[in-house]
Amino acid sequence: MKKDIHPENYRPVAFKDLSNGDVFVTRSTVNTKDTIEVDGETLPLVKLEISSSSHPFFTGKSKMVDTAGRVDKFVSRYGNRNKK
């Protein structure tokens, strides 16, 4: 591996899946202003819309995730094309 190309500021960071509330901790260099307390330790927090714990591909469950009304916007724009 090449030397001096990887960041030096890795630290524990909490990632929270907003769709199901799961929190997992891993090392990262991401910058964030939010914090959360996990196991008595205050960690930087990154909020995620979807992660492997809630994504239909990984869970095997099909569910519709609608953030900011995207599905409603699509239906109102295109409607049901099969109806005559």
N, C-alpha and C. Protein backbone atom coordinates (compact mmCIF):
# COMPACT_ATOMS: atom_id res chain seq x y z
N MET A 1 0.83 -1.19 0.00
CA MET A 1 0.00 0.00 0.00
C MET A 1 0.87 1.24 0.00
N LYS A 2 0.34 2.29 -0.58
CA LYS A 2 1.05 3.56 -0.57
C LYS A 2 0.99 4.19 0.81
N LYS A 3 2.03 4.87 1.18
CA LYS A 3 2.07 5.53 2.48
C LYS A 3 1.47 6.93 2.37
N ASP A 4 0.92 7.39 3.49
CA ASP A 4 0.42 8.77 3.64
C ASP A 4 -0.73 9.13 2.71
N ILE A 5 -1.56 8.16 2.31
CA ILE A 5 -2.73 8.50 1.48
C ILE A 5 -4.04 8.29 2.24
N HIS A 6 -3.98 7.64 3.39
CA HIS A 6 -5.18 7.38 4.17
C HIS A 6 -5.30 8.39 5.30
N PRO A 7 -6.54 8.83 5.62
CA PRO A 7 -6.72 9.79 6.70
C PRO A 7 -6.30 9.20 8.05
N GLU A 8 -5.87 10.06 8.93
CA GLU A 8 -5.41 9.65 10.26
C GLU A 8 -6.48 9.82 11.34
N ASN A 9 -7.58 10.51 11.03
CA ASN A 9 -8.55 10.88 12.06
C ASN A 9 -9.73 9.92 12.16
N TYR A 10 -9.51 8.60 12.06
CA TYR A 10 -10.59 7.64 12.27
C TYR A 10 -10.97 7.65 13.74
N ARG A 11 -12.27 7.58 14.00
CA ARG A 11 -12.77 7.55 15.37
C ARG A 11 -14.10 6.81 15.37
N PRO A 12 -14.57 6.34 16.52
CA PRO A 12 -15.89 5.68 16.57
C PRO A 12 -17.00 6.68 16.26
N VAL A 13 -17.93 6.29 15.40
CA VAL A 13 -19.06 7.12 15.01
C VAL A 13 -20.31 6.26 15.03
N ALA A 14 -21.43 6.81 15.53
CA ALA A 14 -22.71 6.10 15.56
C ALA A 14 -23.51 6.49 14.32
N PHE A 15 -24.07 5.49 13.66
CA PHE A 15 -24.95 5.70 12.51
C PHE A 15 -26.34 5.23 12.92
N LYS A 16 -27.36 6.09 12.72
CA LYS A 16 -28.73 5.75 13.13
C LYS A 16 -29.63 5.69 11.91
N ASP A 17 -30.31 4.57 11.74
CA ASP A 17 -31.28 4.38 10.67
C ASP A 17 -32.59 5.00 11.13
N LEU A 18 -33.04 6.06 10.47
CA LEU A 18 -34.24 6.77 10.90
C LEU A 18 -35.53 6.00 10.61
N SER A 19 -35.50 5.03 9.69
CA SER A 19 -36.73 4.32 9.36
C SER A 19 -37.08 3.25 10.40
N ASN A 20 -36.10 2.70 11.12
CA ASN A 20 -36.42 1.70 12.14
C ASN A 20 -35.74 1.96 13.48
N GLY A 21 -34.91 2.97 13.58
CA GLY A 21 -34.29 3.34 14.85
C GLY A 21 -33.05 2.57 15.24
N ASP A 22 -32.57 1.67 14.39
CA ASP A 22 -31.36 0.92 14.69
C ASP A 22 -30.14 1.84 14.72
N VAL A 23 -29.24 1.58 15.66
CA VAL A 23 -28.00 2.35 15.79
C VAL A 23 -26.84 1.37 15.74
N PHE A 24 -25.85 1.67 14.91
CA PHE A 24 -24.64 0.86 14.91
C PHE A 24 -23.43 1.77 14.94
N VAL A 25 -22.35 1.26 15.53
CA VAL A 25 -21.13 2.04 15.74
C VAL A 25 -20.01 1.43 14.90
N THR A 26 -19.31 2.28 14.19
CA THR A 26 -18.14 1.85 13.43
C THR A 26 -17.16 3.01 13.40
N ARG A 27 -15.99 2.76 12.88
CA ARG A 27 -14.97 3.82 12.79
C ARG A 27 -15.16 4.56 11.47
N SER A 28 -15.05 5.88 11.53
CA SER A 28 -15.25 6.70 10.34
C SER A 28 -14.53 8.03 10.50
N THR A 29 -14.39 8.75 9.38
CA THR A 29 -13.80 10.09 9.40
C THR A 29 -14.85 11.15 9.09
N VAL A 30 -16.12 10.78 8.99
CA VAL A 30 -17.18 11.70 8.61
C VAL A 30 -17.32 12.81 9.66
N ASN A 31 -17.60 14.03 9.18
CA ASN A 31 -17.81 15.17 10.07
C ASN A 31 -19.29 15.34 10.34
N THR A 32 -19.66 15.56 11.59
CA THR A 32 -21.05 15.76 11.96
C THR A 32 -21.13 16.62 13.22
N LYS A 33 -22.25 17.31 13.36
CA LYS A 33 -22.46 18.16 14.54
C LYS A 33 -23.33 17.47 15.59
N ASP A 34 -24.10 16.45 15.19
CA ASP A 34 -24.99 15.75 16.11
C ASP A 34 -24.21 14.74 16.93
N THR A 35 -24.70 14.48 18.15
CA THR A 35 -24.09 13.46 19.01
C THR A 35 -25.19 12.58 19.59
N ILE A 36 -24.78 11.40 20.06
CA ILE A 36 -25.70 10.46 20.71
C ILE A 36 -24.92 9.70 21.77
N GLU A 37 -25.60 9.27 22.81
CA GLU A 37 -24.94 8.50 23.84
C GLU A 37 -25.22 7.02 23.61
N VAL A 38 -24.16 6.24 23.44
CA VAL A 38 -24.26 4.80 23.22
C VAL A 38 -23.39 4.10 24.25
N ASP A 39 -24.00 3.25 25.05
CA ASP A 39 -23.28 2.50 26.09
C ASP A 39 -22.48 3.42 27.01
N GLY A 40 -23.07 4.56 27.37
CA GLY A 40 -22.42 5.49 28.29
C GLY A 40 -21.34 6.35 27.67
N GLU A 41 -21.19 6.28 26.36
CA GLU A 41 -20.16 7.06 25.67
C GLU A 41 -20.83 7.99 24.66
N THR A 42 -20.45 9.26 24.63
CA THR A 42 -21.00 10.21 23.67
C THR A 42 -20.21 10.13 22.38
N LEU A 43 -20.95 9.84 21.28
CA LEU A 43 -20.32 9.66 19.97
C LEU A 43 -20.94 10.61 18.95
N PRO A 44 -20.20 10.96 17.90
CA PRO A 44 -20.79 11.72 16.80
C PRO A 44 -21.88 10.87 16.14
N LEU A 45 -22.94 11.53 15.67
CA LEU A 45 -24.09 10.81 15.10
C LEU A 45 -24.29 11.19 13.64
N VAL A 46 -24.46 10.16 12.80
CA VAL A 46 -24.82 10.35 11.39
C VAL A 46 -26.19 9.72 11.21
N LYS A 47 -27.15 10.50 10.70
CA LYS A 47 -28.51 10.02 10.49
C LYS A 47 -28.66 9.51 9.06
N LEU A 48 -29.20 8.29 8.93
CA LEU A 48 -29.38 7.66 7.63
C LEU A 48 -30.86 7.46 7.35
N GLU A 49 -31.29 7.64 6.11
CA GLU A 49 -32.68 7.37 5.73
C GLU A 49 -32.93 5.87 5.67
N ILE A 50 -31.94 5.12 5.19
CA ILE A 50 -32.10 3.68 5.04
C ILE A 50 -30.73 3.03 5.17
N SER A 51 -30.70 1.84 5.75
CA SER A 51 -29.45 1.11 5.90
C SER A 51 -29.71 -0.37 5.61
N SER A 52 -28.72 -1.21 5.80
CA SER A 52 -28.91 -2.63 5.54
C SER A 52 -29.92 -3.26 6.49
N SER A 53 -30.18 -2.64 7.64
CA SER A 53 -31.16 -3.20 8.58
C SER A 53 -32.60 -2.88 8.19
N SER A 54 -32.80 -1.97 7.23
CA SER A 54 -34.16 -1.65 6.82
C SER A 54 -34.38 -1.75 5.31
N HIS A 55 -33.33 -1.96 4.54
CA HIS A 55 -33.47 -2.03 3.08
C HIS A 55 -34.14 -3.35 2.69
N PRO A 56 -35.15 -3.30 1.80
CA PRO A 56 -35.87 -4.51 1.42
C PRO A 56 -34.98 -5.61 0.84
N PHE A 57 -33.91 -5.28 0.17
CA PHE A 57 -33.02 -6.30 -0.39
C PHE A 57 -32.40 -7.15 0.71
N PHE A 58 -32.01 -6.52 1.82
CA PHE A 58 -31.35 -7.24 2.90
C PHE A 58 -32.33 -7.87 3.88
N THR A 59 -33.52 -7.28 4.05
CA THR A 59 -34.48 -7.80 5.02
C THR A 59 -35.40 -8.84 4.41
N GLY A 60 -35.57 -8.82 3.08
CA GLY A 60 -36.49 -9.75 2.43
C GLY A 60 -37.93 -9.31 2.53
N LYS A 61 -38.19 -8.16 3.09
CA LYS A 61 -39.53 -7.63 3.22
C LYS A 61 -39.69 -6.47 2.27
N SER A 62 -40.82 -6.43 1.60
CA SER A 62 -41.07 -5.32 0.68
C SER A 62 -41.90 -4.28 1.40
N LYS A 63 -41.37 -3.08 1.50
CA LYS A 63 -42.13 -1.99 2.08
C LYS A 63 -41.79 -0.72 1.33
N MET A 64 -42.75 0.17 1.25
CA MET A 64 -42.57 1.40 0.51
C MET A 64 -42.03 2.47 1.44
N VAL A 65 -40.91 3.03 1.10
CA VAL A 65 -40.33 4.12 1.86
C VAL A 65 -40.58 5.39 1.08
N ASP A 66 -41.37 6.28 1.66
CA ASP A 66 -41.72 7.50 0.98
C ASP A 66 -41.25 8.69 1.79
N THR A 67 -40.14 9.27 1.39
CA THR A 67 -39.66 10.47 2.05
C THR A 67 -39.91 11.65 1.14
N ALA A 68 -40.52 12.65 1.67
CA ALA A 68 -40.82 13.89 0.95
C ALA A 68 -41.87 13.70 -0.13
N GLY A 69 -42.75 12.69 -0.01
CA GLY A 69 -43.89 12.55 -0.90
C GLY A 69 -43.55 12.20 -2.33
N ARG A 70 -42.48 11.48 -2.56
CA ARG A 70 -42.06 11.16 -3.92
C ARG A 70 -43.09 10.29 -4.65
N VAL A 71 -43.67 9.33 -3.94
CA VAL A 71 -44.65 8.45 -4.57
C VAL A 71 -45.89 9.24 -4.95
N ASP A 72 -46.37 10.09 -4.05
CA ASP A 72 -47.55 10.90 -4.36
C ASP A 72 -47.29 11.82 -5.54
N LYS A 73 -46.12 12.39 -5.61
CA LYS A 73 -45.77 13.27 -6.72
C LYS A 73 -45.77 12.49 -8.04
N PHE A 74 -45.23 11.28 -8.03
CA PHE A 74 -45.21 10.45 -9.23
C PHE A 74 -46.62 10.09 -9.67
N VAL A 75 -47.47 9.68 -8.73
CA VAL A 75 -48.85 9.29 -9.07
C VAL A 75 -49.64 10.47 -9.59
N SER A 76 -49.45 11.63 -8.99
CA SER A 76 -50.19 12.80 -9.47
C SER A 76 -49.71 13.23 -10.85
N ARG A 77 -48.45 13.04 -11.14
CA ARG A 77 -47.91 13.44 -12.44
C ARG A 77 -48.30 12.46 -13.54
N TYR A 78 -48.16 11.17 -13.27
CA TYR A 78 -48.37 10.17 -14.32
C TYR A 78 -49.67 9.39 -14.15
N GLY A 79 -50.20 9.32 -12.95
CA GLY A 79 -51.44 8.61 -12.70
C GLY A 79 -51.34 7.14 -13.10
N ASN A 80 -52.49 6.57 -13.38
CA ASN A 80 -52.53 5.19 -13.81
C ASN A 80 -52.62 5.16 -15.33
N ARG A 81 -51.54 4.85 -15.99
CA ARG A 81 -51.47 4.87 -17.45
C ARG A 81 -52.32 3.80 -18.11
N ASN A 82 -52.68 2.74 -17.36
CA ASN A 82 -53.45 1.64 -17.95
C ASN A 82 -54.94 1.95 -18.01
N LYS A 83 -55.41 2.92 -17.25
CA LYS A 83 -56.82 3.31 -17.25
C LYS A 83 -57.16 4.08 -18.49
N LYS A 84 -58.34 3.82 -19.08
CA LYS A 84 -58.76 4.57 -20.27
C LYS A 84 -60.08 5.22 -20.07
